[in-house]
Amino acid sequence: MILSTGEDVDPWIHGQTTQDTRGLARGNAAYGFVATTKGRVISDVWVSRQQLDEQQAVYRWVVPSNVVQDVMERLESQIVMEDVELSSTGEKVLTILGWNALGEDLRNRIQSFGICDYDSRWMGAPSRDVIATDDNMAALIEHMGTAVRPMEVWDWEQRRILSGVPCMGRELGPGAYPQEAGLGSVGMSFQKGCYVGQEVLCMLETRGKLPKRLVRLRSMGVPTGTDAALPLVEGRIVILDDAELHCSSPRGTKTQGSTSTPEDRAPVPAGRITSCTKDPSTGEYWAMGYVRRAFWDAGTVLTVEGHGSLTFEILGEVAPTSA
């Protein structure tokens, strides 16, 4: 968590993210990206605003813990003569899936424990992010009791993959543009003023052609042999980090209307897997991965290098469900 305050924080912060941060009020936040000057992703971020008094406001930047330092350095480099102060904080974020299913009284009591909260819509479901201090977060979790069920980290990760939600360190990072991850429509504003990386990202949106795109994949049938027992974490997450995807045709092999099979032609590099999980009820593998332009159409069949019986079908691009 990063805090930003100061007399110039309102106009300054607007130039630091890809999203419009003007007019933020309690109950909402802006989802966007902190980008390099070349438009590459440093981190995705939720930015919320809290009015302290008539003249002072504080912004909270919710970023993944593994990139807090990178984001802090990037923001500090953009403070020249502005009256802006940055600090890191130990405040915690609790995401509650199915927020609307909770009773109004419980929702009000949960909000009373937090410093601020906002709609986040993770996994495509109504959800709420609540920011609180360490002490208040512990009290909040205890107060909710059996009204909510805590999720283990690997349960969360499996649901993330099945829902097609990109993640920092997997689908998002220095090698990707927001549009490639399918998040341009929810994490970027093309009507706001200047921000770092804007020129490249706007040109990519209006005139450029994406070299690759993040897609969702599902295995075709149940893998056999050693591919049916790939290494798993907690029985859910498949260890296929950066496994290369191949296609048998320069323009892809579709599952319908094709008279040839992937084995008929020499494989062509098509992309790579970023996240993968196994459905315990069916034995199928579900994944996300970046695929080159020539192969990203829905229905294209791809094989995994080194795993002959593991064949994926592209279901389509990742849906923007993070905001």
Protein backbone atom coordinates (compact mmCIF):
# COMPACT_ATOMS: atom_id res chain seq x y z
CA MET A 1 0.00 0.00 0.00
CA ILE A 2 1.30 3.44 -0.94
CA LEU A 3 -0.08 6.76 0.36
CA SER A 4 0.25 10.08 -1.44
CA THR A 5 -0.61 13.45 0.10
CA GLY A 6 0.22 17.13 -0.36
CA GLU A 7 -1.23 20.34 -1.77
CA ASP A 8 -0.53 19.30 -5.37
CA VAL A 9 -1.55 15.66 -5.06
CA ASP A 10 -4.83 15.97 -6.99
CA PRO A 11 -3.41 17.21 -10.31
CA TRP A 12 -0.16 15.28 -9.86
CA ILE A 13 -1.74 11.88 -9.37
CA HIS A 14 -3.90 12.29 -12.45
CA GLY A 15 -0.75 12.17 -14.56
CA GLN A 16 0.65 9.00 -12.99
CA THR A 17 -1.89 6.34 -14.01
CA THR A 18 -3.61 5.28 -17.21
CA GLN A 19 -7.03 5.80 -15.62
CA ASP A 20 -9.02 8.97 -14.86
CA THR A 21 -8.75 9.69 -11.13
CA ARG A 22 -10.79 12.90 -11.06
CA GLY A 23 -13.94 13.00 -8.98
CA LEU A 24 -13.18 9.94 -6.86
CA ALA A 25 -15.42 9.68 -3.80
CA ARG A 26 -15.89 7.16 -1.00
CA GLY A 27 -17.31 3.96 -2.40
CA ASN A 28 -15.42 3.92 -5.67
CA ALA A 29 -11.87 3.66 -6.91
CA ALA A 30 -10.06 3.85 -10.24
CA TYR A 31 -8.52 0.71 -11.68
CA GLY A 32 -5.58 1.38 -13.96
CA PHE A 33 -1.88 0.91 -14.58
CA VAL A 34 1.39 2.52 -13.68
CA ALA A 35 3.36 2.35 -16.91
CA THR A 36 6.83 3.03 -18.21
CA THR A 37 7.46 5.81 -20.71
CA LYS A 38 7.17 3.11 -23.39
CA GLY A 39 3.74 2.05 -22.15
CA ARG A 40 4.81 -1.23 -20.55
CA VAL A 41 3.13 -2.34 -17.33
CA ILE A 42 4.97 -1.71 -14.06
CA SER A 43 1.89 -2.64 -12.06
CA ASP A 44 -1.86 -2.62 -12.11
CA VAL A 45 -3.33 -0.47 -9.34
CA TRP A 46 -6.50 0.52 -7.54
CA VAL A 47 -6.45 4.21 -6.57
CA SER A 48 -8.90 5.50 -3.95
CA ARG A 49 -9.25 9.01 -2.51
CA GLN A 50 -10.06 10.01 1.07
CA GLN A 51 -10.85 13.63 1.94
CA LEU A 52 -9.20 14.44 5.28
CA ASP A 53 -10.46 18.03 5.59
CA GLU A 54 -11.47 20.92 3.35
CA GLN A 55 -7.97 21.22 1.92
CA GLN A 56 -6.25 17.88 2.43
CA ALA A 57 -6.80 14.58 0.65
CA VAL A 58 -4.93 11.30 0.73
CA TYR A 59 -4.76 8.79 -2.09
CA ARG A 60 -4.18 5.10 -1.50
CA TRP A 61 -2.47 3.00 -4.15
CA VAL A 62 -3.30 -0.68 -3.79
CA VAL A 63 -0.57 -2.58 -5.63
CA PRO A 64 0.76 -6.16 -5.35
CA SER A 65 3.32 -6.45 -2.55
CA ASN A 66 6.04 -7.74 -4.88
CA VAL A 67 6.08 -4.52 -6.93
CA VAL A 68 5.54 -1.89 -4.23
CA GLN A 69 9.17 -0.77 -4.40
CA ASP A 70 9.12 -0.55 -8.22
CA VAL A 71 5.97 1.57 -8.14
CA MET A 72 7.35 3.78 -5.36
CA GLU A 73 10.55 4.47 -7.32
CA ARG A 74 8.60 5.28 -10.45
CA LEU A 75 6.29 7.70 -8.59
CA GLU A 76 9.17 9.38 -6.76
CA SER A 77 10.90 10.01 -10.07
CA GLN A 78 7.87 12.05 -11.19
CA ILE A 79 7.94 14.50 -8.27
CA VAL A 80 9.89 17.55 -9.38
CA MET A 81 8.59 20.77 -7.80
CA GLU A 82 5.16 19.51 -6.75
CA ASP A 83 4.12 19.45 -3.10
CA VAL A 84 3.53 15.69 -2.95
CA GLU A 85 4.65 13.22 -0.29
CA LEU A 86 4.75 9.44 -0.70
CA SER A 87 4.91 6.80 2.00
CA SER A 88 4.38 3.07 2.29
CA THR A 89 1.99 1.69 4.87
CA GLY A 90 1.19 -1.63 6.47
CA GLU A 91 -2.53 -1.26 5.87
CA LYS A 92 -4.21 -4.41 4.59
CA VAL A 93 -6.79 -5.06 1.88
CA LEU A 94 -9.60 -7.59 2.29
CA THR A 95 -11.54 -8.58 -0.83
CA ILE A 96 -15.03 -9.90 -0.14
CA LEU A 97 -16.57 -11.83 -3.03
CA GLY A 98 -20.37 -11.91 -3.17
CA TRP A 99 -20.64 -8.59 -1.36
CA ASN A 100 -24.25 -8.00 -2.45
CA ALA A 101 -25.33 -11.30 -0.89
CA LEU A 102 -24.50 -10.00 2.58
CA GLY A 103 -27.23 -8.28 4.55
CA GLU A 104 -27.22 -4.49 4.69
CA ASP A 105 -26.57 -4.46 8.45
CA LEU A 106 -23.51 -6.70 8.09
CA ARG A 107 -22.20 -4.65 5.17
CA ASN A 108 -22.49 -1.45 7.24
CA ARG A 109 -20.68 -3.04 10.18
CA ILE A 110 -17.89 -4.31 7.93
CA GLN A 111 -17.42 -0.82 6.47
CA SER A 112 -17.20 0.66 9.98
CA PHE A 113 -13.97 -1.29 10.57
CA GLY A 114 -12.28 0.03 7.44
CA ILE A 115 -10.48 3.22 6.55
CA CYS A 116 -12.08 3.14 3.13
CA ASP A 117 -13.73 0.65 0.77
CA TYR A 118 -14.75 0.44 -2.87
CA ASP A 119 -16.38 -1.80 -5.46
CA SER A 120 -13.75 -3.97 -7.11
CA ARG A 121 -15.70 -6.64 -9.03
CA TRP A 122 -13.02 -9.32 -8.92
CA MET A 123 -13.61 -12.60 -10.77
CA GLY A 124 -16.59 -11.07 -12.57
CA ALA A 125 -18.69 -11.12 -9.37
CA PRO A 126 -19.88 -8.22 -7.19
CA SER A 127 -17.15 -7.73 -4.61
CA ARG A 128 -15.82 -5.12 -2.21
CA ASP A 129 -12.28 -4.22 -1.20
CA VAL A 130 -11.98 -3.01 2.40
CA ILE A 131 -8.79 -1.26 3.54
CA ALA A 132 -8.01 -1.36 7.26
CA THR A 133 -5.14 -1.24 9.74
CA ASP A 134 -3.64 -4.50 10.98
CA ASP A 135 -5.55 -4.38 14.27
CA ASN A 136 -8.86 -3.45 12.68
CA MET A 137 -8.45 -6.08 9.97
CA ALA A 138 -8.05 -8.81 12.59
CA ALA A 139 -11.13 -7.52 14.41
CA LEU A 140 -13.07 -7.30 11.16
CA ILE A 141 -12.33 -10.90 10.20
CA GLU A 142 -13.33 -12.07 13.67
CA HIS A 143 -16.51 -9.99 13.53
CA MET A 144 -17.66 -11.51 10.24
CA GLY A 145 -17.56 -14.96 11.79
CA THR A 146 -19.32 -17.62 9.73
CA ALA A 147 -21.01 -15.07 7.46
CA VAL A 148 -18.09 -15.43 5.04
CA ARG A 149 -15.72 -18.29 4.23
CA PRO A 150 -12.00 -17.52 4.05
CA MET A 151 -10.35 -18.67 0.82
CA GLU A 152 -6.98 -20.39 0.81
CA VAL A 153 -4.47 -18.78 -1.53
CA TRP A 154 -4.57 -21.72 -3.95
CA ASP A 155 -8.38 -21.73 -3.99
CA TRP A 156 -8.20 -18.06 -4.93
CA GLU A 157 -5.59 -18.73 -7.60
CA GLN A 158 -7.65 -21.51 -9.16
CA ARG A 159 -10.75 -19.34 -9.27
CA ARG A 160 -8.71 -16.52 -10.79
CA ILE A 161 -7.53 -18.74 -13.63
CA LEU A 162 -10.96 -20.25 -14.26
CA SER A 163 -12.42 -16.73 -14.35
CA GLY A 164 -9.72 -15.46 -16.71
CA VAL A 165 -8.42 -12.67 -14.44
CA PRO A 166 -4.85 -11.47 -15.26
CA CYS A 167 -2.36 -11.27 -12.40
CA MET A 168 0.85 -9.30 -11.82
CA GLY A 169 3.87 -11.52 -12.22
CA ARG A 170 1.95 -13.91 -14.45
CA GLU A 171 -0.03 -12.14 -17.15
CA LEU A 172 0.96 -8.58 -16.26
CA GLY A 173 4.47 -7.15 -16.14
CA PRO A 174 7.23 -5.34 -18.06
CA GLY A 175 6.68 -7.52 -21.13
CA ALA A 176 3.05 -6.54 -21.68
CA TYR A 177 0.88 -3.62 -22.71
CA PRO A 178 -2.52 -3.24 -20.95
CA GLN A 179 -4.34 -3.79 -24.28
CA GLU A 180 -2.54 -7.10 -24.83
CA ALA A 181 -3.95 -8.34 -21.52
CA GLY A 182 -7.48 -7.37 -22.59
CA LEU A 183 -7.71 -4.65 -19.94
CA GLY A 184 -7.63 -1.54 -22.10
CA SER A 185 -11.37 -0.96 -21.80
CA VAL A 186 -11.41 -1.11 -17.98
CA GLY A 187 -7.96 0.16 -17.01
CA MET A 188 -7.36 3.05 -19.39
CA SER A 189 -8.89 6.41 -20.21
CA PHE A 190 -8.34 7.99 -23.61
CA GLN A 191 -10.13 11.23 -22.70
CA LYS A 192 -7.95 12.33 -19.77
CA GLY A 193 -4.89 14.53 -19.94
CA CYS A 194 -1.27 13.46 -20.24
CA TYR A 195 0.19 10.62 -18.20
CA VAL A 196 3.40 8.62 -18.34
CA GLY A 197 3.26 6.20 -21.27
CA GLN A 198 0.23 7.88 -22.86
CA GLU A 199 1.75 8.57 -26.27
CA VAL A 200 2.70 4.96 -26.92
CA LEU A 201 -0.51 3.50 -25.52
CA CYS A 202 -2.75 5.89 -27.47
CA MET A 203 -0.88 5.17 -30.70
CA LEU A 204 -1.23 1.46 -30.04
CA GLU A 205 -4.95 1.91 -29.50
CA THR A 206 -5.64 4.02 -32.56
CA ARG A 207 -3.09 2.94 -35.14
CA GLY A 208 -1.10 0.00 -33.84
CA LYS A 209 -1.55 -3.74 -34.18
CA LEU A 210 -1.10 -5.89 -31.11
CA PRO A 211 1.70 -8.42 -31.62
CA LYS A 212 0.15 -10.80 -29.10
CA ARG A 213 -2.99 -11.18 -27.02
CA LEU A 214 -3.92 -12.86 -23.76
CA VAL A 215 -6.38 -15.70 -24.34
CA ARG A 216 -8.20 -18.34 -22.34
CA LEU A 217 -7.52 -21.98 -23.15
CA ARG A 218 -9.10 -25.31 -22.29
CA SER A 219 -7.57 -28.73 -22.82
CA MET A 220 -9.24 -30.89 -25.44
CA GLY A 221 -10.23 -34.01 -23.57
CA VAL A 222 -8.35 -35.46 -20.63
CA PRO A 223 -4.55 -35.71 -21.06
CA THR A 224 -3.06 -39.20 -20.91
CA GLY A 225 0.17 -40.77 -19.71
CA THR A 226 2.56 -38.49 -17.87
CA ASP A 227 0.58 -35.42 -18.98
CA ALA A 228 -2.35 -36.63 -16.85
CA ALA A 229 -0.17 -36.29 -13.75
CA LEU A 230 1.67 -33.01 -14.21
CA PRO A 231 3.12 -31.46 -11.03
CA LEU A 232 0.43 -29.67 -9.04
CA VAL A 233 0.48 -27.18 -6.18
CA GLU A 234 -2.13 -28.00 -3.55
CA GLY A 235 -3.75 -30.31 -6.10
CA ARG A 236 -5.00 -27.34 -8.13
CA ILE A 237 -2.35 -25.27 -9.91
CA VAL A 238 -0.50 -26.93 -12.77
CA ILE A 239 3.23 -26.27 -13.00
CA LEU A 240 3.56 -25.21 -16.64
CA ASP A 241 5.31 -21.87 -16.15
CA ASP A 242 6.11 -20.26 -19.49
CA ALA A 243 5.54 -23.54 -21.36
CA GLU A 244 5.67 -22.87 -25.09
CA LEU A 245 2.56 -23.28 -27.24
CA HIS A 246 2.84 -24.57 -30.78
CA CYS A 247 0.49 -24.74 -33.72
CA SER A 248 0.66 -27.04 -36.72
CA SER A 249 -0.20 -24.31 -39.25
CA PRO A 250 1.06 -20.74 -39.76
CA ARG A 251 -2.55 -19.59 -39.66
CA GLY A 252 -3.76 -21.96 -37.00
CA THR A 253 -5.76 -25.18 -37.00
CA LYS A 254 -9.42 -24.78 -36.10
CA THR A 255 -11.50 -27.38 -34.31
CA GLN A 256 -14.31 -27.04 -36.85
CA GLY A 257 -14.17 -27.28 -40.63
CA SER A 258 -10.60 -28.59 -40.72
CA THR A 259 -9.61 -31.74 -42.62
CA SER A 260 -6.15 -32.00 -41.06
CA THR A 261 -4.88 -32.53 -37.55
CA PRO A 262 -2.05 -30.84 -35.63
CA GLU A 263 0.14 -33.90 -36.24
CA ASP A 264 -0.05 -33.41 -40.02
CA ARG A 265 2.29 -30.40 -40.09
CA ALA A 266 5.48 -29.28 -38.42
CA PRO A 267 4.67 -27.26 -35.27
CA VAL A 268 5.13 -23.49 -35.34
CA PRO A 269 5.79 -21.44 -32.16
CA ALA A 270 2.54 -19.66 -31.27
CA GLY A 271 2.88 -18.34 -27.72
CA ARG A 272 3.29 -19.36 -24.10
CA ILE A 273 1.20 -20.36 -21.10
CA THR A 274 1.17 -17.95 -18.15
CA SER A 275 -1.19 -19.70 -15.69
CA CYS A 276 -2.80 -23.14 -15.63
CA THR A 277 -5.10 -25.11 -13.32
CA LYS A 278 -6.73 -28.52 -13.30
CA ASP A 279 -10.46 -29.05 -12.89
CA PRO A 280 -10.62 -31.89 -10.35
CA SER A 281 -14.13 -32.88 -11.41
CA THR A 282 -13.33 -33.41 -15.10
CA GLY A 283 -9.54 -33.74 -15.28
CA GLU A 284 -9.43 -30.92 -17.86
CA TYR A 285 -6.79 -28.21 -17.77
CA TRP A 286 -7.75 -24.53 -17.98
CA ALA A 287 -5.15 -21.91 -18.76
CA MET A 288 -4.33 -18.40 -19.85
CA GLY A 289 -1.52 -17.48 -22.16
CA TYR A 290 -0.19 -14.97 -24.67
CA VAL A 291 -0.65 -16.02 -28.28
CA ARG A 292 0.68 -14.33 -31.41
CA ARG A 293 -1.67 -12.56 -33.81
CA ALA A 294 -1.66 -15.36 -36.41
CA PHE A 295 -3.00 -17.88 -33.91
CA TRP A 296 -5.27 -16.07 -31.45
CA ASP A 297 -8.67 -16.77 -33.07
CA ALA A 298 -11.15 -18.73 -30.95
CA GLY A 299 -11.16 -22.40 -31.89
CA THR A 300 -7.46 -22.58 -32.78
CA VAL A 301 -5.79 -25.78 -31.54
CA LEU A 302 -2.41 -25.50 -29.83
CA THR A 303 -0.08 -28.11 -28.37
CA VAL A 304 2.33 -27.74 -25.44
CA GLU A 305 6.00 -28.30 -26.13
CA GLY A 306 7.22 -31.45 -24.39
CA HIS A 307 3.70 -32.65 -23.59
CA GLY A 308 2.46 -34.50 -26.62
CA SER A 309 -1.00 -35.43 -25.35
CA LEU A 310 -1.75 -31.98 -23.92
CA THR A 311 -3.71 -30.05 -26.56
CA PHE A 312 -5.50 -26.76 -25.89
CA GLU A 313 -8.32 -25.01 -27.72
CA ILE A 314 -8.48 -21.20 -27.59
CA LEU A 315 -11.80 -20.13 -26.09
CA GLY A 316 -11.31 -16.43 -26.82
CA GLU A 317 -9.59 -13.38 -25.41
CA VAL A 318 -9.64 -12.68 -21.69
CA ALA A 319 -12.78 -10.83 -20.64
CA PRO A 320 -12.24 -7.56 -18.71
CA THR A 321 -13.64 -8.62 -15.33
CA SER A 322 -11.29 -6.72 -13.02
CA ALA A 323 -13.27 -3.52 -12.77
